[in-house]
Structure formats: structure tokens, C-alpha cells
Amino acid sequence: MNSILHIRPQQAVYLGNFGLTTEHRHGALVLLLGLSGHFNVQLRGQTMVRCRSALIDAGTAHIVDCQSEDMATLYFEVNSLQGRTLRANFLRNDAAVFDIANLDQCHKGFEQRALNADLSALIRYSLKADINSYDRRVASCIQLMQQKDEYPWRQDELSARIGLSNSRLNHLFKQHTGISFRHFSLWSRLAIFMRDVHNTRNITHSALNSGFSDSAHLSNSYKKIFGIRPSAILSGLKEFHLYS
């Protein structure tokens, strides 16, 4: 399978086989789909699960082994409607759920639905949309952290900007997103890197453009979040689309 990466404002989709990861924790919800067969997922402290699909909450430490199968990996930002809907429907009491996707007939049309992140076509269950809104201060904080041209990543700067103490921001952020401010800050910086590298096609240049000290700092941070080095994804891409 030719590896494909599509990045949109509140979601990203990767089609391809990324092999075996180290333990990592995403800053978004991730939906894993085994397009050609079963794969393995292991949450920290739990036994390995063999499955065709897995939905894993943001901030959940886990390992993925593709088992040489073609995969679709969908990332949904914690503040997105799709991310909030998935959490409300499946992750109220669990860090992960398995085999919720409709993979009985997996074909090229299904791959396109995965690239479009069409949950109604991918998930075998009816989803009730989450209509709850974020605290406006948390929403403002997330918006600022996702802007490339601003670098208010120091927590005291962001706290002052939205009128909260550091401790209050930490509490509200964890309450609304399920992950810490610090972890989401790193996730947001890596998301900015992925958008920048689409234009530069140079990991070192984009690392510096995104606030990392050098390519080694970027690579170590990327592995902490994704369980693999950035070159493992970027070097083999046949198609890389960025949507505004």
C-alpha cells in the first residue's frame, strides 16, 4: 500500500504500515483500523489485544504492532466535535475500546471513507453527537496553542492571557480535554511541525520553525507522542495533503 497522509484543521489521517511502536501517548483521540487484517494493541499494564479496530483516548499510554498489515490511523483533536463525540459514546469509563469499526467489506471505497474521516461509514454503531461546549477559557487556550505565528507556549504567559492562575488552568484543561496542559502543548507543537514540513520537506528546518532546539529534540519528542521517529512516516509518503 502507498502511504498517504492527509492533515485537516482538527483531524489527520495516515494510511500505511508504521510497524511496531514504542510506548507512546497521543495528544488526540486515535482510531486505528486494520485495513488488511488484525493488529495488536497493548495498553500500559494490560495484556496485548488482537483486533481489527481500536479507539484509544488521548493521553493513554500504549504500544501498537501493525503485524505487517495495512492500517488507517485517524487522529481527532480533543476539542473537535468528532473527538468529543467519540469520547462521549465510547470512552466515558474506558481508556480504549476495540472492534467498533465496520470492517466486514474493506475496499478502496472504505479507504476513501477513512481518509475523509467519515465516522458514520466507519463505525458500526450509531453515534450521538456531543453538544457540550468547552469552557471558553480552555477553548481560547487551545486556539492560541494551535497557531503557528504565536508562541505563547509558556504556561504563565497563556494563563495571564486568559485570566487564570497556572493551577486553575491545569485543572480546567485536564477536566475538559482529559490530558495535561503540558502534554497538549507538546502535541500542538508537533502538529505545527507536521504542517510546516509539508512546505519545507526538511525535518531539520521545520523542527526549528516549530520551536524545537534541533532535529534530535524534535525526533525524541515525536517518538514520545507517536512511538516512532518522524522519518519513519515522512520518508515513505507517496501522498501528503494539507487542508486549511
Protein backbone atom coordinates (compact mmCIF):
# COMPACT_ATOMS: atom_id res chain seq x y z
CA MET A 1 0.00 0.00 0.00
CA ASN A 2 1.23 3.51 -0.83
CA SER A 3 1.40 5.55 2.36
CA ILE A 4 -0.85 8.62 2.44
CA LEU A 5 -1.15 11.47 4.93
CA HIS A 6 -3.99 13.99 4.98
CA ILE A 7 -3.97 16.76 7.59
CA ARG A 8 -7.03 18.91 8.27
CA PRO A 9 -7.60 21.60 10.95
CA GLN A 10 -8.97 19.21 13.59
CA GLN A 11 -8.07 15.78 12.29
CA ALA A 12 -5.37 13.85 10.47
CA VAL A 13 -5.42 10.50 8.67
CA TYR A 14 -2.49 8.27 7.80
CA LEU A 15 -2.79 5.20 5.57
CA GLY A 16 0.16 2.84 5.72
CA ASN A 17 2.11 0.35 7.80
CA PHE A 18 4.18 2.06 10.52
CA GLY A 19 5.41 -1.24 12.01
CA LEU A 20 5.95 -1.63 15.76
CA THR A 21 5.87 1.43 18.01
CA THR A 22 7.41 2.05 21.38
CA GLU A 23 5.04 3.03 24.19
CA HIS A 24 3.60 6.46 23.49
CA ARG A 25 0.76 8.81 24.40
CA HIS A 26 -1.07 10.87 21.80
CA GLY A 27 -2.45 14.33 22.44
CA ALA A 28 -5.59 13.42 20.49
CA LEU A 29 -8.00 10.53 20.24
CA VAL A 30 -6.80 7.90 17.77
CA LEU A 31 -8.90 5.44 15.78
CA LEU A 32 -6.87 2.53 14.38
CA LEU A 33 -8.28 0.42 11.55
CA GLY A 34 -6.68 -2.77 10.24
CA LEU A 35 -7.41 -2.46 6.54
CA SER A 36 -5.84 -5.77 5.52
CA GLY A 37 -6.03 -7.76 8.75
CA HIS A 38 -5.62 -7.85 12.52
CA PHE A 39 -3.07 -5.88 14.53
CA ASN A 40 -2.05 -5.78 18.20
CA VAL A 41 -2.52 -3.07 20.82
CA GLN A 42 -1.22 -3.12 24.37
CA LEU A 43 -2.22 -0.56 26.97
CA ARG A 44 0.21 0.03 29.81
CA GLY A 45 -0.14 -2.67 32.45
CA GLN A 46 -2.56 -4.75 30.39
CA THR A 47 -2.32 -7.77 28.12
CA MET A 48 -1.96 -7.46 24.36
CA VAL A 49 -5.24 -7.23 22.40
CA ARG A 50 -5.54 -8.58 18.87
CA CYS A 51 -8.16 -6.61 16.95
CA ARG A 52 -9.24 -5.10 13.63
CA SER A 53 -10.02 -1.68 15.13
CA ALA A 54 -9.21 0.26 18.28
CA LEU A 55 -10.25 3.64 19.66
CA ILE A 56 -7.75 4.98 22.18
CA ASP A 57 -8.28 8.10 24.28
CA ALA A 58 -5.82 10.97 24.32
CA GLY A 59 -3.08 10.61 26.90
CA THR A 60 -3.37 6.81 27.10
CA ALA A 61 0.00 5.02 27.10
CA HIS A 62 0.02 2.17 24.57
CA ILE A 63 2.01 0.16 22.03
CA VAL A 64 0.83 -0.74 18.53
CA ASP A 65 2.14 -3.59 16.37
CA CYS A 66 0.78 -3.42 12.82
CA GLN A 67 1.69 -7.10 12.27
CA SER A 68 2.66 -6.17 8.67
CA GLU A 69 -0.93 -5.16 7.93
CA ASP A 70 -2.06 -2.04 6.10
CA MET A 71 -3.56 0.43 8.57
CA ALA A 72 -5.69 3.53 8.65
CA THR A 73 -4.84 5.77 11.59
CA LEU A 74 -7.21 8.65 12.32
CA TYR A 75 -6.44 11.39 14.84
CA PHE A 76 -9.18 13.60 16.25
CA GLU A 77 -8.34 16.70 18.28
CA VAL A 78 -9.75 16.61 21.82
CA ASN A 79 -11.77 19.79 21.24
CA SER A 80 -13.20 18.70 17.87
CA LEU A 81 -16.83 17.65 17.52
CA GLN A 82 -15.77 14.22 16.26
CA GLY A 83 -13.31 13.75 19.10
CA ARG A 84 -15.82 14.80 21.74
CA THR A 85 -18.49 12.59 20.15
CA LEU A 86 -16.23 9.53 20.14
CA ARG A 87 -15.29 10.08 23.76
CA ALA A 88 -18.89 10.62 24.83
CA ASN A 89 -20.07 7.46 23.07
CA PHE A 90 -17.24 5.05 23.89
CA LEU A 91 -14.73 6.38 26.40
CA ARG A 92 -16.66 7.62 29.41
CA ASN A 93 -15.42 4.72 31.52
CA ASP A 94 -12.64 3.21 29.41
CA ALA A 95 -9.30 4.39 28.06
CA ALA A 96 -9.78 2.28 24.91
CA VAL A 97 -12.38 0.15 23.14
CA PHE A 98 -11.85 -2.45 20.44
CA ASP A 99 -13.55 -3.72 17.29
CA ILE A 100 -16.09 -0.93 16.97
CA ALA A 101 -15.46 -0.34 13.25
CA ASN A 102 -17.36 -1.82 10.34
CA LEU A 103 -14.57 -3.66 8.51
CA ASP A 104 -16.61 -6.52 7.00
CA GLN A 105 -16.12 -5.13 3.49
CA CYS A 106 -12.82 -3.32 3.35
CA HIS A 107 -12.05 -2.00 -0.13
CA LYS A 108 -10.83 1.13 -1.93
CA GLY A 109 -14.09 2.89 -1.17
CA PHE A 110 -13.55 2.19 2.52
CA GLU A 111 -10.05 3.66 2.34
CA GLN A 112 -11.54 6.86 0.91
CA ARG A 113 -14.08 6.99 3.75
CA ALA A 114 -11.20 6.63 6.19
CA LEU A 115 -9.33 9.49 4.51
CA ASN A 116 -12.50 11.57 4.81
CA ALA A 117 -12.84 10.54 8.49
CA ASP A 118 -16.45 9.61 7.79
CA LEU A 119 -17.39 8.15 11.17
CA SER A 120 -20.93 7.26 10.11
CA ALA A 121 -19.47 4.91 7.47
CA LEU A 122 -16.59 3.61 9.59
CA ILE A 123 -18.23 2.88 12.95
CA ARG A 124 -20.71 0.05 13.26
CA TYR A 125 -22.78 1.85 15.90
CA SER A 126 -24.98 4.93 15.77
CA LEU A 127 -23.27 7.91 17.36
CA LYS A 128 -24.94 10.53 19.49
CA ALA A 129 -23.22 13.86 18.94
CA ASP A 130 -21.70 15.54 21.96
CA ILE A 131 -23.21 19.02 22.10
CA ASN A 132 -21.49 20.11 25.32
CA SER A 133 -19.25 23.13 24.89
CA TYR A 134 -15.78 23.72 26.30
CA ASP A 135 -15.10 26.35 28.91
CA ARG A 136 -14.39 29.45 26.80
CA ARG A 137 -11.04 29.97 28.55
CA VAL A 138 -9.90 26.44 27.72
CA ALA A 139 -11.14 26.89 24.15
CA SER A 140 -9.16 30.14 23.85
CA CYS A 141 -6.09 28.45 25.28
CA ILE A 142 -6.29 25.62 22.73
CA GLN A 143 -6.78 28.06 19.86
CA LEU A 144 -3.68 30.02 20.85
CA MET A 145 -1.58 26.87 21.23
CA GLN A 146 -2.51 25.73 17.72
CA GLN A 147 -1.44 28.95 15.97
CA LYS A 148 1.95 28.79 14.32
CA ASP A 149 2.61 32.52 14.28
CA GLU A 150 2.23 32.81 18.04
CA TYR A 151 4.45 31.05 20.54
CA PRO A 152 2.74 31.53 23.93
CA TRP A 153 3.76 28.01 24.96
CA ARG A 154 4.99 29.10 28.37
CA GLN A 155 2.14 28.32 30.67
CA ASP A 156 2.43 31.51 32.71
CA GLU A 157 2.06 33.58 29.54
CA LEU A 158 -1.05 31.71 28.45
CA SER A 159 -2.54 31.77 31.96
CA ALA A 160 -2.11 35.54 32.17
CA ARG A 161 -3.52 35.99 28.68
CA ILE A 162 -6.79 34.23 29.52
CA GLY A 163 -7.02 35.45 33.13
CA LEU A 164 -6.29 32.28 35.10
CA SER A 165 -3.67 31.08 37.53
CA ASN A 166 -1.45 28.21 36.40
CA SER A 167 -3.08 25.80 38.82
CA ARG A 168 -6.60 26.77 37.71
CA LEU A 169 -5.66 26.41 34.05
CA ASN A 170 -4.18 22.98 34.75
CA HIS A 171 -7.37 21.87 36.47
CA LEU A 172 -9.74 23.17 33.79
CA PHE A 173 -7.57 21.89 30.96
CA LYS A 174 -7.41 18.37 32.35
CA GLN A 175 -11.14 18.43 33.15
CA HIS A 176 -12.18 19.38 29.62
CA THR A 177 -9.58 17.58 27.50
CA GLY A 178 -8.58 14.56 29.55
CA ILE A 179 -4.88 15.41 29.19
CA SER A 180 -2.48 17.81 30.86
CA PHE A 181 -1.69 21.26 29.57
CA ARG A 182 1.97 20.26 29.18
CA HIS A 183 1.18 17.19 27.09
CA PHE A 184 -1.20 19.09 24.83
CA SER A 185 1.40 21.82 24.39
CA LEU A 186 3.89 19.28 23.01
CA TRP A 187 1.20 17.72 20.82
CA SER A 188 0.30 21.14 19.39
CA ARG A 189 3.92 21.93 18.62
CA LEU A 190 4.28 18.63 16.77
CA ALA A 191 1.10 19.37 14.84
CA ILE A 192 2.63 22.69 13.79
CA PHE A 193 5.78 20.82 12.76
CA MET A 194 3.78 18.44 10.56
CA ARG A 195 2.12 21.36 8.80
CA ASP A 196 5.42 23.15 8.35
CA VAL A 197 7.25 20.12 6.98
CA HIS A 198 4.59 19.80 4.29
CA ASN A 199 6.02 23.00 2.85
CA THR A 200 9.73 22.63 3.62
CA ARG A 201 10.10 18.85 3.15
CA ASN A 202 13.04 19.25 5.53
CA ILE A 203 12.80 17.86 9.07
CA THR A 204 15.62 19.99 10.48
CA HIS A 205 14.27 23.27 9.08
CA SER A 206 10.72 22.52 10.23
CA ALA A 207 11.93 21.47 13.67
CA LEU A 208 13.50 24.92 14.14
CA ASN A 209 10.47 26.64 12.62
CA SER A 210 8.23 24.86 15.14
CA GLY A 211 10.15 25.80 18.27
CA PHE A 212 12.36 22.74 18.75
CA SER A 213 16.03 23.29 19.51
CA ASP A 214 17.23 20.88 16.82
CA SER A 215 16.21 17.78 14.86
CA ALA A 216 17.20 15.46 17.74
CA HIS A 217 14.88 17.33 20.12
CA LEU A 218 12.12 17.05 17.55
CA SER A 219 12.73 13.35 16.95
CA ASN A 220 12.71 12.47 20.65
CA SER A 221 9.52 14.45 21.23
CA TYR A 222 7.87 12.86 18.19
CA LYS A 223 8.72 9.37 19.44
CA LYS A 224 7.29 10.18 22.86
CA ILE A 225 3.97 11.17 21.25
CA PHE A 226 3.77 8.78 18.26
CA GLY A 227 6.05 5.89 19.23
CA ILE A 228 8.15 6.22 16.04
CA ARG A 229 10.62 8.68 14.52
CA PRO A 230 9.20 11.31 12.13
CA SER A 231 11.35 9.98 9.30
CA ALA A 232 9.52 6.64 9.53
CA ILE A 233 6.37 8.39 8.31
CA LEU A 234 7.67 11.25 6.20
CA SER A 235 10.33 9.43 4.20
CA GLY A 236 7.91 6.90 2.74
CA LEU A 237 4.97 9.15 1.90
CA LYS A 238 3.57 8.86 -1.61
CA GLU A 239 0.83 11.43 -0.99
CA PHE A 240 0.82 14.29 1.52
CA HIS A 241 -2.11 16.72 1.52
CA LEU A 242 -2.58 19.69 3.81
CA TYR A 243 -6.02 21.30 4.12
CA SER A 244 -6.55 24.77 5.55
